[in-house]
């Protein structure tokens, strides 16, 4: 990342998602209980993983290659987790749900959207300011 604002933004998002994960927890009983307990983290964690991968991947590769690698790696990891759960192997969860694969894709899509809007804006500002 050429602009520290990009990295700080991604770290802030990561901290927020981590805190949200602890606040919600498995005993959440609030609004949209089924969605929040069943799918929200399945959207937010892949989004976060994609963004975190961008910090490290862009040090060694082009932005487009980093985006493709980050997106495919994140979806592949989520798919592997679901396949393991399908075969009753507990890894980052224990219940196979085919909808989780869709939620992972939504999460990566949100990560890409944040990357193309917010992060890209900061990176272009960094280029204008000389680094």
C-alpha atoms as a PDB file:
ATOM      1  CA  UNK A   1       0.000   0.000   0.000  1.00  0.00           C
ATOM      2  CA  UNK A   2       1.381   3.345  -0.998  1.00  0.00           C
ATOM      3  CA  UNK A   3      -0.715   5.405   1.376  1.00  0.00           C
ATOM      4  CA  UNK A   4      -0.740   4.686   5.103  1.00  0.00           C
ATOM      5  CA  UNK A   5      -4.411   5.768   5.206  1.00  0.00           C
ATOM      6  CA  UNK A   6      -5.213   2.613   3.230  1.00  0.00           C
ATOM      7  CA  UNK A   7      -3.529   0.393   5.781  1.00  0.00           C
ATOM      8  CA  UNK A   8      -5.028   2.282   8.723  1.00  0.00           C
ATOM      9  CA  UNK A   9      -8.504   2.011   7.191  1.00  0.00           C
ATOM     10  CA  UNK A  10      -8.151  -1.755   6.713  1.00  0.00           C
ATOM     11  CA  UNK A  11      -6.826  -2.191  10.260  1.00  0.00           C
ATOM     12  CA  UNK A  12      -9.719  -0.094  11.640  1.00  0.00           C
ATOM     13  CA  UNK A  13     -12.215  -2.253   9.736  1.00  0.00           C
ATOM     14  CA  UNK A  14     -10.504  -5.369  11.120  1.00  0.00           C
ATOM     15  CA  UNK A  15     -10.673  -4.112  14.693  1.00  0.00           C
ATOM     16  CA  UNK A  16     -14.340  -3.176  14.260  1.00  0.00           C
ATOM     17  CA  UNK A  17     -15.194  -6.626  12.880  1.00  0.00           C
ATOM     18  CA  UNK A  18     -13.271  -8.305  15.701  1.00  0.00           C
ATOM     19  CA  UNK A  19     -15.115  -6.280  18.329  1.00  0.00           C
ATOM     20  CA  UNK A  20     -18.438  -6.886  16.599  1.00  0.00           C
ATOM     21  CA  UNK A  21     -17.740 -10.625  16.578  1.00  0.00           C
ATOM     22  CA  UNK A  22     -17.233 -10.583  20.344  1.00  0.00           C
ATOM     23  CA  UNK A  23     -20.218  -8.308  21.020  1.00  0.00           C
ATOM     24  CA  UNK A  24     -22.606 -10.387  18.926  1.00  0.00           C
ATOM     25  CA  UNK A  25     -21.346 -13.752  20.101  1.00  0.00           C
ATOM     26  CA  UNK A  26     -23.295 -16.999  19.900  1.00  0.00           C
ATOM     27  CA  UNK A  27     -25.960 -15.800  22.350  1.00  0.00           C
ATOM     28  CA  UNK A  28     -27.113 -12.782  20.314  1.00  0.00           C
ATOM     29  CA  UNK A  29     -30.883 -12.322  20.658  1.00  0.00           C
ATOM     30  CA  UNK A  30     -31.406  -8.927  19.011  1.00  0.00           C
ATOM     31  CA  UNK A  31     -32.877  -7.761  15.748  1.00  0.00           C
ATOM     32  CA  UNK A  32     -32.435 -10.044  12.696  1.00  0.00           C
ATOM     33  CA  UNK A  33     -31.217 -12.796  15.039  1.00  0.00           C
ATOM     34  CA  UNK A  34     -31.197 -15.536  12.383  1.00  0.00           C
ATOM     35  CA  UNK A  35     -29.231 -13.465   9.865  1.00  0.00           C
ATOM     36  CA  UNK A  36     -26.796 -12.012  12.407  1.00  0.00           C
ATOM     37  CA  UNK A  37     -26.038 -15.357  14.053  1.00  0.00           C
ATOM     38  CA  UNK A  38     -26.094 -17.367  10.857  1.00  0.00           C
ATOM     39  CA  UNK A  39     -24.624 -15.205   8.132  1.00  0.00           C
ATOM     40  CA  UNK A  40     -23.270 -11.796   9.146  1.00  0.00           C
ATOM     41  CA  UNK A  41     -19.856 -13.087  10.201  1.00  0.00           C
ATOM     42  CA  UNK A  42     -19.781 -15.252   7.039  1.00  0.00           C
ATOM     43  CA  UNK A  43     -19.942 -11.981   5.101  1.00  0.00           C
ATOM     44  CA  UNK A  44     -17.680  -9.828   7.265  1.00  0.00           C
ATOM     45  CA  UNK A  45     -14.781 -12.247   7.817  1.00  0.00           C
ATOM     46  CA  UNK A  46     -14.146 -12.946   4.103  1.00  0.00           C
ATOM     47  CA  UNK A  47     -14.444  -9.218   3.400  1.00  0.00           C
ATOM     48  CA  UNK A  48     -11.850  -8.601   6.090  1.00  0.00           C
ATOM     49  CA  UNK A  49      -9.555 -11.397   4.896  1.00  0.00           C
ATOM     50  CA  UNK A  50      -9.631 -10.008   1.350  1.00  0.00           C
ATOM     51  CA  UNK A  51      -8.713  -6.521   2.605  1.00  0.00           C
ATOM     52  CA  UNK A  52      -5.933  -7.811   4.874  1.00  0.00           C
ATOM     53  CA  UNK A  53      -4.488  -9.804   1.990  1.00  0.00           C
ATOM     54  CA  UNK A  54      -4.314  -6.606  -0.047  1.00  0.00           C
ATOM     55  CA  UNK A  55      -1.904  -5.083   2.474  1.00  0.00           C
ATOM     56  CA  UNK A  56       0.592  -7.910   2.068  1.00  0.00           C
ATOM     57  CA  UNK A  57       0.037  -8.887  -1.569  1.00  0.00           C
ATOM     58  CA  UNK A  58       0.521  -5.381  -2.966  1.00  0.00           C
ATOM     59  CA  UNK A  59       4.048  -5.241  -1.592  1.00  0.00           C
ATOM     60  CA  UNK A  60       5.153  -7.881  -4.103  1.00  0.00           C
ATOM     61  CA  UNK A  61       2.684  -7.744  -6.988  1.00  0.00           C
ATOM     62  CA  UNK A  62       0.527  -5.431  -9.071  1.00  0.00           C
ATOM     63  CA  UNK A  63      -2.796  -4.115  -7.754  1.00  0.00           C
ATOM     64  CA  UNK A  64      -4.874  -6.123 -10.238  1.00  0.00           C
ATOM     65  CA  UNK A  65      -2.991  -9.349  -9.524  1.00  0.00           C
ATOM     66  CA  UNK A  66      -3.339  -8.712  -5.780  1.00  0.00           C
ATOM     67  CA  UNK A  67      -7.100  -8.244  -6.189  1.00  0.00           C
ATOM     68  CA  UNK A  68      -7.503 -11.450  -8.190  1.00  0.00           C
ATOM     69  CA  UNK A  69      -5.254 -13.447  -5.858  1.00  0.00           C
ATOM     70  CA  UNK A  70      -6.952 -12.050  -2.746  1.00  0.00           C
ATOM     71  CA  UNK A  71     -10.451 -12.746  -4.031  1.00  0.00           C
ATOM     72  CA  UNK A  72      -9.765 -16.270  -5.295  1.00  0.00           C
ATOM     73  CA  UNK A  73      -7.754 -17.231  -2.200  1.00  0.00           C
ATOM     74  CA  UNK A  74     -10.468 -15.998   0.130  1.00  0.00           C
ATOM     75  CA  UNK A  75     -13.277 -17.805  -1.710  1.00  0.00           C
ATOM     76  CA  UNK A  76     -11.136 -20.965  -1.973  1.00  0.00           C
ATOM     77  CA  UNK A  77     -10.413 -20.890   1.765  1.00  0.00           C
ATOM     78  CA  UNK A  78     -14.105 -20.463   2.603  1.00  0.00           C
ATOM     79  CA  UNK A  79     -15.033 -23.274   0.225  1.00  0.00           C
ATOM     80  CA  UNK A  80     -12.442 -25.548   1.835  1.00  0.00           C
ATOM     81  CA  UNK A  81     -13.901 -24.766   5.275  1.00  0.00           C
ATOM     82  CA  UNK A  82     -17.398 -25.684   4.076  1.00  0.00           C
ATOM     83  CA  UNK A  83     -16.196 -28.895   2.420  1.00  0.00           C
ATOM     84  CA  UNK A  84     -14.513 -29.951   5.670  1.00  0.00           C
ATOM     85  CA  UNK A  85     -17.715 -29.190   7.565  1.00  0.00           C
ATOM     86  CA  UNK A  86     -19.714 -31.204   5.020  1.00  0.00           C
ATOM     87  CA  UNK A  87     -17.526 -34.206   5.898  1.00  0.00           C
ATOM     88  CA  UNK A  88     -18.117 -33.541   9.624  1.00  0.00           C
ATOM     89  CA  UNK A  89     -14.589 -32.212  10.209  1.00  0.00           C
ATOM     90  CA  UNK A  90     -14.822 -29.322  12.647  1.00  0.00           C
ATOM     91  CA  UNK A  91     -12.719 -26.466  11.325  1.00  0.00           C
ATOM     92  CA  UNK A  92     -13.776 -22.864  12.000  1.00  0.00           C
ATOM     93  CA  UNK A  93     -17.267 -24.159  12.619  1.00  0.00           C
ATOM     94  CA  UNK A  94     -19.125 -27.423  12.580  1.00  0.00           C
ATOM     95  CA  UNK A  95     -22.278 -26.967  10.526  1.00  0.00           C
ATOM     96  CA  UNK A  96     -22.232 -27.245   6.755  1.00  0.00           C
ATOM     97  CA  UNK A  97     -24.496 -24.690   5.105  1.00  0.00           C
ATOM     98  CA  UNK A  98     -24.386 -24.192   1.326  1.00  0.00           C
ATOM     99  CA  UNK A  99     -25.643 -20.620   1.870  1.00  0.00           C
ATOM    100  CA  UNK A 100     -22.328 -19.885   3.592  1.00  0.00           C
ATOM    101  CA  UNK A 101     -20.596 -20.162   0.205  1.00  0.00           C
ATOM    102  CA  UNK A 102     -22.900 -17.453  -1.122  1.00  0.00           C
ATOM    103  CA  UNK A 103     -22.211 -15.298   1.946  1.00  0.00           C
ATOM    104  CA  UNK A 104     -18.446 -15.698   1.420  1.00  0.00           C
ATOM    105  CA  UNK A 105     -18.863 -14.465  -2.152  1.00  0.00           C
ATOM    106  CA  UNK A 106     -20.905 -11.482  -0.928  1.00  0.00           C
ATOM    107  CA  UNK A 107     -18.175 -10.734   1.628  1.00  0.00           C
ATOM    108  CA  UNK A 108     -15.438 -10.814  -0.995  1.00  0.00           C
ATOM    109  CA  UNK A 109     -17.611  -8.622  -3.208  1.00  0.00           C
ATOM    110  CA  UNK A 110     -17.950  -6.097  -0.382  1.00  0.00           C
ATOM    111  CA  UNK A 111     -14.184  -6.208   0.148  1.00  0.00           C
ATOM    112  CA  UNK A 112     -13.625  -5.515  -3.534  1.00  0.00           C
ATOM    113  CA  UNK A 113     -16.165  -2.670  -3.410  1.00  0.00           C
ATOM    114  CA  UNK A 114     -14.342  -1.097  -0.444  1.00  0.00           C
ATOM    115  CA  UNK A 115     -11.048  -1.620  -2.267  1.00  0.00           C
ATOM    116  CA  UNK A 116     -12.299  -0.023  -5.500  1.00  0.00           C
ATOM    117  CA  UNK A 117     -13.842   2.972  -3.733  1.00  0.00           C
ATOM    118  CA  UNK A 118     -12.218   3.887  -0.425  1.00  0.00           C
ATOM    119  CA  UNK A 119      -8.802   2.207  -0.689  1.00  0.00           C
ATOM    120  CA  UNK A 120      -8.336   3.193  -4.339  1.00  0.00           C
ATOM    121  CA  UNK A 121      -9.119   6.813  -3.436  1.00  0.00           C
ATOM    122  CA  UNK A 122      -6.456   6.815  -0.706  1.00  0.00           C
ATOM    123  CA  UNK A 123      -3.934   5.139  -3.010  1.00  0.00           C
ATOM    124  CA  UNK A 124      -4.488   7.751  -5.730  1.00  0.00           C
ATOM    125  CA  UNK A 125      -4.073  10.512  -3.144  1.00  0.00           C
ATOM    126  CA  UNK A 126      -0.786   8.895  -2.121  1.00  0.00           C
ATOM    127  CA  UNK A 127       0.412   8.904  -5.726  1.00  0.00           C
ATOM    128  CA  UNK A 128      -0.473  12.597  -6.113  1.00  0.00           C
ATOM    129  CA  UNK A 129       1.381  13.457  -2.897  1.00  0.00           C
ATOM    130  CA  UNK A 130       4.476  11.539  -3.971  1.00  0.00           C
ATOM    131  CA  UNK A 131       4.111   8.326  -2.012  1.00  0.00           C
END
